C-alpha cells in the first residue's frame, strides 16, 4: 500500500469507522483522537510522542509504525483485539491509569 493510501485508510478507520462502531459497543473510548492515541501508542510500544516528535503524528510516523497502527485499528474494528486492555496499557504508559 502506498503512503497516501495508508494515510487515507488511517483517517477512515480512526475518524469514521471506529467512532461509529463505538456507538453500538461497550468500548472504553468513542472519540477519534482516543482511537488514534491507542493505536499509535501500541504501534510505537509506548507513548507515540516519545517516538514521533513532529505533528500530525500520522503524517510524520514512519511507514512501519503507521502500518502497525492501521492493522491494530482494523483488528479493533473486527473485534480481534481487546480495546479495554489496549486502552489500559496506553494509559499506563502515560501515567494516567486508574
Protein backbone atom coordinates (compact mmCIF):
# COMPACT_ATOMS: atom_id res chain seq x y z
CA UNK A 1 0.00 0.00 0.00
CA UNK A 2 1.44 3.40 -0.90
CA UNK A 3 1.76 6.15 1.70
CA UNK A 4 -1.27 8.16 0.53
CA UNK A 5 -3.47 5.07 0.70
CA UNK A 6 -2.09 4.17 4.13
CA UNK A 7 -2.87 7.64 5.48
CA UNK A 8 -6.34 7.61 3.91
CA UNK A 9 -7.02 4.22 5.48
CA UNK A 10 -5.84 5.53 8.86
CA UNK A 11 -8.15 8.52 8.70
CA UNK A 12 -11.13 6.47 7.52
CA UNK A 13 -10.66 3.99 10.36
CA UNK A 14 -9.92 6.39 13.21
CA UNK A 15 -12.11 9.34 12.28
CA UNK A 16 -15.13 7.48 10.92
CA UNK A 17 -15.30 3.69 11.22
CA UNK A 18 -14.17 3.25 14.82
CA UNK A 19 -16.16 6.15 16.32
CA UNK A 20 -19.28 4.94 14.50
CA UNK A 21 -18.73 1.36 15.65
CA UNK A 22 -18.21 2.55 19.24
CA UNK A 23 -21.81 3.73 19.43
CA UNK A 24 -23.06 0.15 19.40
CA UNK A 25 -20.36 -1.48 21.50
CA UNK A 26 -19.21 -1.49 25.09
CA UNK A 27 -15.91 0.21 24.35
CA UNK A 28 -13.98 2.43 26.78
CA UNK A 29 -13.46 5.17 24.16
CA UNK A 30 -15.56 6.72 21.42
CA UNK A 31 -13.63 9.72 20.14
CA UNK A 32 -11.31 9.70 17.14
CA UNK A 33 -8.29 11.06 19.00
CA UNK A 34 -8.63 8.31 21.62
CA UNK A 35 -8.51 5.60 18.97
CA UNK A 36 -5.53 7.35 17.40
CA UNK A 37 -3.74 7.51 20.77
CA UNK A 38 -4.29 3.84 21.50
CA UNK A 39 -3.28 2.58 18.05
CA UNK A 40 -0.23 4.81 17.73
CA UNK A 41 0.93 4.07 21.28
CA UNK A 42 0.80 0.33 20.64
CA UNK A 43 2.45 0.68 17.25
CA UNK A 44 5.29 2.56 18.96
CA UNK A 45 5.44 0.38 22.09
CA UNK A 46 4.85 3.37 24.36
CA UNK A 47 3.65 6.94 24.16
CA UNK A 48 3.72 7.78 20.48
CA UNK A 49 5.06 11.26 21.09
CA UNK A 50 8.26 9.75 22.52
CA UNK A 51 8.87 8.20 19.07
CA UNK A 52 7.12 10.59 16.67
CA UNK A 53 8.23 14.11 17.52
CA UNK A 54 6.50 16.09 14.78
CA UNK A 55 2.80 16.65 14.16
CA UNK A 56 0.45 15.49 12.84
CA UNK A 57 1.68 12.12 14.07
CA UNK A 58 0.11 10.02 11.33
CA UNK A 59 1.84 12.09 8.64
CA UNK A 60 5.21 12.02 10.41
CA UNK A 61 5.14 8.37 11.53
CA UNK A 62 7.48 6.01 9.69
CA UNK A 63 5.69 3.64 7.33
CA UNK A 64 6.18 0.61 9.59
CA UNK A 65 4.64 2.35 12.59
CA UNK A 66 1.66 3.67 10.66
CA UNK A 67 1.17 0.25 9.09
CA UNK A 68 1.09 -1.38 12.55
CA UNK A 69 -1.32 1.30 13.80
CA UNK A 70 -3.66 0.75 10.83
CA UNK A 71 -3.56 -3.02 11.36
CA UNK A 72 -4.43 -2.59 15.03
CA UNK A 73 -7.32 -0.26 14.14
CA UNK A 74 -8.60 -2.91 11.72
CA UNK A 75 -8.24 -5.59 14.42
CA UNK A 76 -10.18 -3.46 16.91
CA UNK A 77 -12.94 -2.85 14.40
CA UNK A 78 -13.17 -6.60 13.70
CA UNK A 79 -13.22 -7.40 17.46
CA UNK A 80 -9.90 -9.23 17.16
CA UNK A 81 -8.24 -7.06 19.82
CA UNK A 82 -9.29 -6.21 23.37
CA UNK A 83 -9.81 -2.45 23.28
CA UNK A 84 -10.25 -2.31 27.06
CA UNK A 85 -6.79 -3.85 27.59
CA UNK A 86 -5.23 -1.72 24.85
CA UNK A 87 -6.65 1.46 26.38
CA UNK A 88 -5.48 0.47 29.90
CA UNK A 89 -1.94 -0.13 28.65
CA UNK A 90 -1.91 3.17 26.74
CA UNK A 91 -2.99 5.00 29.88
CA UNK A 92 -0.34 3.18 31.95
CA UNK A 93 2.34 4.33 29.52
CA UNK A 94 1.07 7.87 30.01
CA UNK A 95 0.89 7.64 33.82
CA UNK A 96 -2.90 8.05 33.72
CA UNK A 97 -4.04 4.57 34.72
CA UNK A 98 -6.95 4.49 37.13
